[in-house]
Every structure is written in structure tokens, then in C-alpha cells.
Amino acid sequence: MFDWLFAHGTDIIQIAAYIVAGAAGIAALTPTPKDDGIVAGIRKIIDLLGMNWGNAKNEKP
């Protein structure tokens, strides 16, 4: 399993980036705050998978 992850790591990162970018675009184009919460949830999952916690988190605007 780890061999597969290492062999396809860049593909996984690229797909995750496309998902977040697409979701952020949808959230920016629609006026309801409900989809903004969905994008925030997706981003939390991506941050967790990327081990972004503690000092590695992005600053909140």
C-alpha cells in the first residue's frame, strides 16, 4: 500500500488541489453561506491529511 502511495503521491496531491480549488470557486460564486461551510469542511480534511496542525495552519483572514 505504501508503495502505491509513494508512486502516486503527486497525483493524489494534484487531485486534492483540484477538489479544493473547484469547491472554493463554487463557494465564491454562490451567495449562500451553507456552501462556504462545506468548503471549510473539505479544507479541514485536506489539512488533516496533509498533517497541517499547530503552527503549520494558514492564518485566518
Protein backbone atom coordinates (compact mmCIF):
# COMPACT_ATOMS: atom_id res chain seq x y z
CA MET A 1 0.00 0.00 0.00
CA PHE A 2 2.78 2.42 0.87
CA ASP A 3 4.48 1.65 -2.43
CA TRP A 4 1.33 2.69 -4.26
CA LEU A 5 1.04 5.88 -2.19
CA PHE A 6 4.65 6.83 -2.88
CA ALA A 7 4.28 6.04 -6.58
CA HIS A 8 1.08 8.12 -6.92
CA GLY A 9 1.72 10.79 -4.28
CA THR A 10 1.94 13.66 -6.74
CA ASP A 11 -1.27 12.56 -8.45
CA ILE A 12 -3.09 12.44 -5.11
CA ILE A 13 -1.86 15.92 -4.17
CA GLN A 14 -2.86 17.28 -7.57
CA ILE A 15 -6.37 15.81 -7.33
CA ALA A 16 -6.80 17.19 -3.80
CA ALA A 17 -5.73 20.64 -5.03
CA TYR A 18 -8.27 20.47 -7.89
CA ILE A 19 -11.04 19.49 -5.47
CA VAL A 20 -10.27 22.36 -3.09
CA ALA A 21 -9.92 24.87 -5.93
CA GLY A 22 -13.19 23.79 -7.52
CA ALA A 23 -15.06 23.87 -4.23
CA ALA A 24 -13.63 27.30 -3.41
CA GLY A 25 -14.71 28.59 -6.82
CA ILE A 26 -18.25 27.33 -6.27
CA ALA A 27 -18.36 28.87 -2.80
CA ALA A 28 -17.15 32.20 -4.16
CA LEU A 29 -19.76 32.26 -6.94
CA THR A 30 -22.77 31.37 -4.82
CA PRO A 31 -24.27 33.78 -2.27
CA THR A 32 -25.25 31.31 0.46
CA PRO A 33 -23.03 30.65 3.48
CA LYS A 34 -24.05 26.97 3.53
CA ASP A 35 -21.64 26.02 0.73
CA ASP A 36 -18.89 28.05 2.40
CA GLY A 37 -19.21 25.69 5.36
CA ILE A 38 -18.89 22.69 3.05
CA VAL A 39 -15.68 24.10 1.57
CA ALA A 40 -14.35 24.75 5.08
CA GLY A 41 -15.06 21.12 5.97
CA ILE A 42 -13.27 19.86 2.87
CA ARG A 43 -10.31 22.07 3.68
CA LYS A 44 -10.17 20.74 7.26
CA ILE A 45 -10.00 17.19 5.90
CA ILE A 46 -7.23 18.14 3.46
CA ASP A 47 -5.33 19.90 6.27
CA LEU A 48 -5.66 16.81 8.44
CA LEU A 49 -4.41 14.53 5.66
CA GLY A 50 -1.54 16.94 5.00
CA MET A 51 -0.65 16.99 8.70
CA ASN A 52 -1.26 20.75 8.87
CA TRP A 53 -1.96 21.39 12.52
CA GLY A 54 -0.47 23.62 15.17
CA ASN A 55 1.89 26.18 13.68
CA ALA A 56 1.53 24.77 10.15
CA LYS A 57 -2.03 26.12 9.72
CA ASN A 58 -2.75 29.10 7.50
CA GLU A 59 -3.65 32.37 9.14
CA LYS A 60 -7.34 33.22 9.21
CA PRO A 61 -8.18 36.41 7.29
